Amino acid sequence: MPATALAAGMLWFFRDPEREVAQGRVISPADGVVQSIMPWKDGRTRVAIFMSPLNVHVNRAPLSGTVTSVEHIPGGFVPAFNKESENNERVVWHFDTELGDIEMIQIAGAVARRIVPYIPQGTKVEQGDRIGLIRFGSRVDLYLPEGVEVAVEVGQKTVAGVTRLDRD
C-alpha cells in the first residue's frame, strides 16, 4: 500500500492538466500567487509569481512568438520569497512577440533545485504552450513592456495559461 500511495502522490505532484488558453495579450506563465509587482528602471514592470510545492509546476508561454534565447544561470537555492533569491539558479527566457522582447525568468528555490526547459532557442510558440517546469515550485518573473498595464494584484492567485496579466 505505501508504494501505491507514493506513486499516486508523485502523479498528483507532477500533474500537467490540459487547459483552455485564455484570450488576452499576456497570460500567466505559472500557477501560483502574485508575490510582487515592481516598476523597473527601464520602464518595464516585473510581475513575480510565487509557486508553492502544491501548485502545478509546468510553465507556459505568456504570449505567442519565437524563443530568442534560453539561458541557464547557476546560483544559490534560498527560498523564493526571500530577497536573496535574486541570486538563485535560474533560466532566463526571451521571446520575440507582438509586444517586442518579453523576458521571463524561472527561479529555483530552497526546495525547487531543478528547472527543466522543454524547448530550445528558435522554437516558435503559441500562447499557453508548455515551455518548461520548475520541480517543486519556486518563482517565475515576467517583465511586461512599458505601456502594458498590469491587471493582477499582489496576493491574487494565477493559473498558467488562464489568468490574464494585462489590461486592454
C-alpha atoms as a PDB file:
ATOM      1  CA  MET A   1       0.000   0.000   0.000  1.00  0.00           C
ATOM      2  CA  PRO A   2       2.759   2.575   0.767  1.00  0.00           C
ATOM      3  CA  ALA A   3       4.201   2.212  -2.761  1.00  0.00           C
ATOM      4  CA  THR A   4       0.764   2.847  -4.269  1.00  0.00           C
ATOM      5  CA  ALA A   5       0.290   5.941  -2.106  1.00  0.00           C
ATOM      6  CA  LEU A   6       3.755   7.191  -3.071  1.00  0.00           C
ATOM      7  CA  ALA A   7       3.055   6.638  -6.774  1.00  0.00           C
ATOM      8  CA  ALA A   8      -0.315   8.400  -6.517  1.00  0.00           C
ATOM      9  CA  GLY A   9       1.316  11.286  -4.677  1.00  0.00           C
ATOM     10  CA  MET A  10       4.002  11.650  -7.346  1.00  0.00           C
ATOM     11  CA  LEU A  11       1.407  11.577 -10.145  1.00  0.00           C
ATOM     12  CA  TRP A  12      -0.568  14.318  -8.411  1.00  0.00           C
ATOM     13  CA  PHE A  13       2.546  16.321  -7.570  1.00  0.00           C
ATOM     14  CA  PHE A  14       3.816  16.362 -11.169  1.00  0.00           C
ATOM     15  CA  ARG A  15       0.380  16.720 -12.770  1.00  0.00           C
ATOM     16  CA  ASP A  16       0.077  18.653 -16.013  1.00  0.00           C
ATOM     17  CA  PRO A  17      -3.609  19.349 -16.665  1.00  0.00           C
ATOM     18  CA  GLU A  18      -4.997  20.354 -20.025  1.00  0.00           C
ATOM     19  CA  ARG A  19      -6.108  23.977 -20.031  1.00  0.00           C
ATOM     20  CA  GLU A  20      -8.247  26.094 -22.316  1.00  0.00           C
ATOM     21  CA  VAL A  21      -5.958  29.045 -23.003  1.00  0.00           C
ATOM     22  CA  ALA A  22      -7.477  32.428 -22.152  1.00  0.00           C
ATOM     23  CA  GLN A  23      -7.879  35.275 -24.607  1.00  0.00           C
ATOM     24  CA  GLY A  24      -5.668  38.295 -23.963  1.00  0.00           C
ATOM     25  CA  ARG A  25      -2.307  39.728 -24.895  1.00  0.00           C
ATOM     26  CA  VAL A  26      -0.389  38.401 -21.869  1.00  0.00           C
ATOM     27  CA  ILE A  27      -1.367  35.363 -19.789  1.00  0.00           C
ATOM     28  CA  SER A  28       0.208  33.940 -16.667  1.00  0.00           C
ATOM     29  CA  PRO A  29       3.139  31.603 -17.279  1.00  0.00           C
ATOM     30  CA  ALA A  30       2.700  29.945 -13.866  1.00  0.00           C
ATOM     31  CA  ASP A  31       0.213  28.684 -11.309  1.00  0.00           C
ATOM     32  CA  GLY A  32       0.749  30.489  -8.021  1.00  0.00           C
ATOM     33  CA  VAL A  33       0.214  33.784  -6.243  1.00  0.00           C
ATOM     34  CA  VAL A  34       1.369  37.229  -7.362  1.00  0.00           C
ATOM     35  CA  GLN A  35       4.170  37.975  -4.899  1.00  0.00           C
ATOM     36  CA  SER A  36       5.107  41.443  -6.155  1.00  0.00           C
ATOM     37  CA  ILE A  37       4.560  43.935  -8.964  1.00  0.00           C
ATOM     38  CA  MET A  38       7.503  46.281  -9.410  1.00  0.00           C
ATOM     39  CA  PRO A  39       8.308  49.003 -11.924  1.00  0.00           C
ATOM     40  CA  TRP A  40      11.779  48.560 -13.407  1.00  0.00           C
ATOM     41  CA  LYS A  41      14.219  51.384 -14.257  1.00  0.00           C
ATOM     42  CA  ASP A  42      13.925  50.680 -17.989  1.00  0.00           C
ATOM     43  CA  GLY A  43      10.145  51.212 -17.968  1.00  0.00           C
ATOM     44  CA  ARG A  44       9.165  47.542 -17.787  1.00  0.00           C
ATOM     45  CA  THR A  45       7.076  46.095 -14.957  1.00  0.00           C
ATOM     46  CA  ARG A  46       8.091  42.878 -13.213  1.00  0.00           C
ATOM     47  CA  VAL A  47       5.281  40.567 -12.128  1.00  0.00           C
ATOM     48  CA  ALA A  48       6.678  37.941  -9.719  1.00  0.00           C
ATOM     49  CA  ILE A  49       4.575  34.786  -9.250  1.00  0.00           C
ATOM     50  CA  PHE A  50       5.380  32.530  -6.294  1.00  0.00           C
ATOM     51  CA  MET A  51       4.742  28.839  -6.962  1.00  0.00           C
ATOM     52  CA  SER A  52       4.204  26.716  -3.859  1.00  0.00           C
ATOM     53  CA  PRO A  53       5.037  22.999  -3.844  1.00  0.00           C
ATOM     54  CA  LEU A  54       1.265  22.370  -4.168  1.00  0.00           C
ATOM     55  CA  ASN A  55       0.878  24.284  -7.461  1.00  0.00           C
ATOM     56  CA  VAL A  56       1.191  22.756 -10.933  1.00  0.00           C
ATOM     57  CA  HIS A  57       4.898  23.101 -11.783  1.00  0.00           C
ATOM     58  CA  VAL A  58       4.622  23.307 -15.582  1.00  0.00           C
ATOM     59  CA  ASN A  59       5.186  26.788 -17.020  1.00  0.00           C
ATOM     60  CA  ARG A  60       3.580  28.121 -20.191  1.00  0.00           C
ATOM     61  CA  ALA A  61       4.356  30.713 -22.861  1.00  0.00           C
ATOM     62  CA  PRO A  62       2.805  34.045 -21.830  1.00  0.00           C
ATOM     63  CA  LEU A  63       2.489  35.196 -25.475  1.00  0.00           C
ATOM     64  CA  SER A  64       2.861  33.744 -28.955  1.00  0.00           C
ATOM     65  CA  GLY A  65       6.225  34.334 -30.589  1.00  0.00           C
ATOM     66  CA  THR A  66       9.704  32.924 -31.085  1.00  0.00           C
ATOM     67  CA  VAL A  67      12.055  31.895 -28.295  1.00  0.00           C
ATOM     68  CA  THR A  68      15.144  34.035 -28.956  1.00  0.00           C
ATOM     69  CA  SER A  69      17.182  32.748 -26.001  1.00  0.00           C
ATOM     70  CA  VAL A  70      17.100  30.231 -23.166  1.00  0.00           C
ATOM     71  CA  GLU A  71      19.986  30.754 -20.736  1.00  0.00           C
ATOM     72  CA  HIS A  72      20.744  28.722 -17.613  1.00  0.00           C
ATOM     73  CA  ILE A  73      22.479  30.783 -14.903  1.00  0.00           C
ATOM     74  CA  PRO A  74      23.947  28.895 -11.912  1.00  0.00           C
ATOM     75  CA  GLY A  75      23.289  30.286  -8.438  1.00  0.00           C
ATOM     76  CA  GLY A  76      22.094  29.588  -4.920  1.00  0.00           C
ATOM     77  CA  PHE A  77      18.968  27.952  -3.544  1.00  0.00           C
ATOM     78  CA  VAL A  78      17.449  30.272  -0.912  1.00  0.00           C
ATOM     79  CA  PRO A  79      13.645  30.419  -0.507  1.00  0.00           C
ATOM     80  CA  ALA A  80      11.967  32.131  -3.484  1.00  0.00           C
ATOM     81  CA  PHE A  81      10.152  34.656  -1.275  1.00  0.00           C
ATOM     82  CA  ASN A  82      13.496  35.864   0.165  1.00  0.00           C
ATOM     83  CA  LYS A  83      15.190  38.949  -1.361  1.00  0.00           C
ATOM     84  CA  GLU A  84      18.438  36.981  -1.747  1.00  0.00           C
ATOM     85  CA  SER A  85      16.617  34.682  -4.209  1.00  0.00           C
ATOM     86  CA  GLU A  86      17.641  37.230  -6.890  1.00  0.00           C
ATOM     87  CA  ASN A  87      20.947  35.294  -6.922  1.00  0.00           C
ATOM     88  CA  ASN A  88      19.378  31.826  -7.158  1.00  0.00           C
ATOM     89  CA  GLU A  89      19.856  29.404 -10.017  1.00  0.00           C
ATOM     90  CA  ARG A  90      17.616  30.468 -12.894  1.00  0.00           C
ATOM     91  CA  VAL A  91      16.663  30.047 -16.524  1.00  0.00           C
ATOM     92  CA  VAL A  92      16.221  33.319 -18.421  1.00  0.00           C
ATOM     93  CA  TRP A  93      13.905  33.231 -21.447  1.00  0.00           C
ATOM     94  CA  HIS A  94      13.461  35.872 -24.149  1.00  0.00           C
ATOM     95  CA  PHE A  95      10.551  35.795 -26.588  1.00  0.00           C
ATOM     96  CA  ASP A  96      10.159  37.890 -29.745  1.00  0.00           C
ATOM     97  CA  THR A  97       6.443  38.765 -29.645  1.00  0.00           C
ATOM     98  CA  GLU A  98       3.933  41.275 -30.994  1.00  0.00           C
ATOM     99  CA  LEU A  99       4.808  43.398 -27.922  1.00  0.00           C
ATOM    100  CA  GLY A 100       8.541  43.167 -28.634  1.00  0.00           C
ATOM    101  CA  ASP A 101      11.074  41.361 -26.453  1.00  0.00           C
ATOM    102  CA  ILE A 102       9.468  39.680 -23.447  1.00  0.00           C
ATOM    103  CA  GLU A 103      11.717  38.377 -20.671  1.00  0.00           C
ATOM    104  CA  MET A 104      10.653  35.578 -18.329  1.00  0.00           C
ATOM    105  CA  ILE A 105      12.804  34.113 -15.554  1.00  0.00           C
ATOM    106  CA  GLN A 106      12.250  30.743 -13.877  1.00  0.00           C
ATOM    107  CA  ILE A 107      13.927  30.880 -10.448  1.00  0.00           C
ATOM    108  CA  ALA A 108      14.929  27.863  -8.364  1.00  0.00           C
ATOM    109  CA  GLY A 109      14.314  27.899  -4.607  1.00  0.00           C
ATOM    110  CA  ALA A 110      15.302  26.128  -1.403  1.00  0.00           C
ATOM    111  CA  VAL A 111      13.303  23.010  -2.323  1.00  0.00           C
ATOM    112  CA  ALA A 112      12.996  23.515  -6.088  1.00  0.00           C
ATOM    113  CA  ARG A 113      16.512  22.870  -7.293  1.00  0.00           C
ATOM    114  CA  ARG A 114      15.778  21.783 -10.826  1.00  0.00           C
ATOM    115  CA  ILE A 115      14.489  23.841 -13.745  1.00  0.00           C
ATOM    116  CA  VAL A 116      13.717  21.874 -16.900  1.00  0.00           C
ATOM    117  CA  PRO A 117      13.297  23.838 -20.158  1.00  0.00           C
ATOM    118  CA  TYR A 118      11.252  21.830 -22.666  1.00  0.00           C
ATOM    119  CA  ILE A 119      12.135  23.773 -25.817  1.00  0.00           C
ATOM    120  CA  PRO A 120      15.273  25.342 -27.325  1.00  0.00           C
ATOM    121  CA  GLN A 121      16.072  28.747 -28.737  1.00  0.00           C
ATOM    122  CA  GLY A 122      14.484  29.308 -32.141  1.00  0.00           C
ATOM    123  CA  THR A 123      11.246  27.490 -31.312  1.00  0.00           C
ATOM    124  CA  LYS A 124       8.004  29.195 -32.315  1.00  0.00           C
ATOM    125  CA  VAL A 125       5.438  29.014 -29.522  1.00  0.00           C
ATOM    126  CA  GLU A 126       1.747  29.701 -29.263  1.00  0.00           C
ATOM    127  CA  GLN A 127       0.381  31.444 -26.204  1.00  0.00           C
ATOM    128  CA  GLY A 128      -0.189  28.843 -23.494  1.00  0.00           C
ATOM    129  CA  ASP A 129       2.245  26.244 -24.901  1.00  0.00           C
ATOM    130  CA  ARG A 130       4.156  24.266 -22.288  1.00  0.00           C
ATOM    131  CA  ILE A 131       7.749  25.523 -22.231  1.00  0.00           C
ATOM    132  CA  GLY A 132       9.280  24.015 -19.085  1.00  0.00           C
ATOM    133  CA  LEU A 133       8.872  23.238 -15.428  1.00  0.00           C
ATOM    134  CA  ILE A 134      10.317  24.062 -12.046  1.00  0.00           C
ATOM    135  CA  ARG A 135      10.289  20.958  -9.883  1.00  0.00           C
ATOM    136  CA  PHE A 136       8.619  21.579  -6.520  1.00  0.00           C
ATOM    137  CA  GLY A 137       7.606  25.152  -7.356  1.00  0.00           C
ATOM    138  CA  SER A 138       9.501  28.398  -6.697  1.00  0.00           C
ATOM    139  CA  ARG A 139       9.081  31.648  -8.643  1.00  0.00           C
ATOM    140  CA  VAL A 140       8.527  32.941 -12.164  1.00  0.00           C
ATOM    141  CA  ASP A 141       9.191  36.589 -13.004  1.00  0.00           C
ATOM    142  CA  LEU A 142       7.648  38.106 -16.122  1.00  0.00           C
ATOM    143  CA  TYR A 143       8.755  41.525 -17.380  1.00  0.00           C
ATOM    144  CA  LEU A 144       5.974  43.414 -19.146  1.00  0.00           C
ATOM    145  CA  PRO A 145       6.998  46.121 -21.632  1.00  0.00           C
ATOM    146  CA  GLU A 146       6.492  49.809 -20.957  1.00  0.00           C
ATOM    147  CA  GLY A 147       2.901  50.801 -21.669  1.00  0.00           C
ATOM    148  CA  VAL A 148       1.383  47.420 -20.763  1.00  0.00           C
ATOM    149  CA  GLU A 149      -0.982  47.908 -17.825  1.00  0.00           C
ATOM    150  CA  VAL A 150      -0.971  45.153 -15.192  1.00  0.00           C
ATOM    151  CA  ALA A 151      -4.398  43.634 -14.464  1.00  0.00           C
ATOM    152  CA  VAL A 152      -3.476  41.480 -11.447  1.00  0.00           C
ATOM    153  CA  GLU A 153      -2.816  42.448  -7.828  1.00  0.00           C
ATOM    154  CA  VAL A 154      -0.362  41.282  -5.188  1.00  0.00           C
ATOM    155  CA  GLY A 155      -1.871  38.265  -3.424  1.00  0.00           C
ATOM    156  CA  GLN A 156      -4.016  37.250  -6.409  1.00  0.00           C
ATOM    157  CA  LYS A 157      -3.947  33.597  -7.461  1.00  0.00           C
ATOM    158  CA  THR A 158      -2.856  32.832 -11.017  1.00  0.00           C
ATOM    159  CA  VAL A 159      -3.411  29.836 -13.273  1.00  0.00           C
ATOM    160  CA  ALA A 160      -0.877  29.219 -16.055  1.00  0.00           C
ATOM    161  CA  GLY A 161      -2.414  29.752 -19.466  1.00  0.00           C
ATOM    162  CA  VAL A 162      -5.668  31.030 -17.961  1.00  0.00           C
ATOM    163  CA  THR A 163      -5.134  34.168 -15.854  1.00  0.00           C
ATOM    164  CA  ARG A 164      -4.736  37.316 -17.905  1.00  0.00           C
ATOM    165  CA  LEU A 165      -1.944  39.567 -16.601  1.00  0.00           C
ATOM    166  CA  ASP A 166      -2.555  42.690 -18.714  1.00  0.00           C
ATOM    167  CA  ARG A 167      -5.442  45.082 -19.191  1.00  0.00           C
ATOM    168  CA  ASP A 168      -6.728  46.491 -22.512  1.00  0.00           C
END
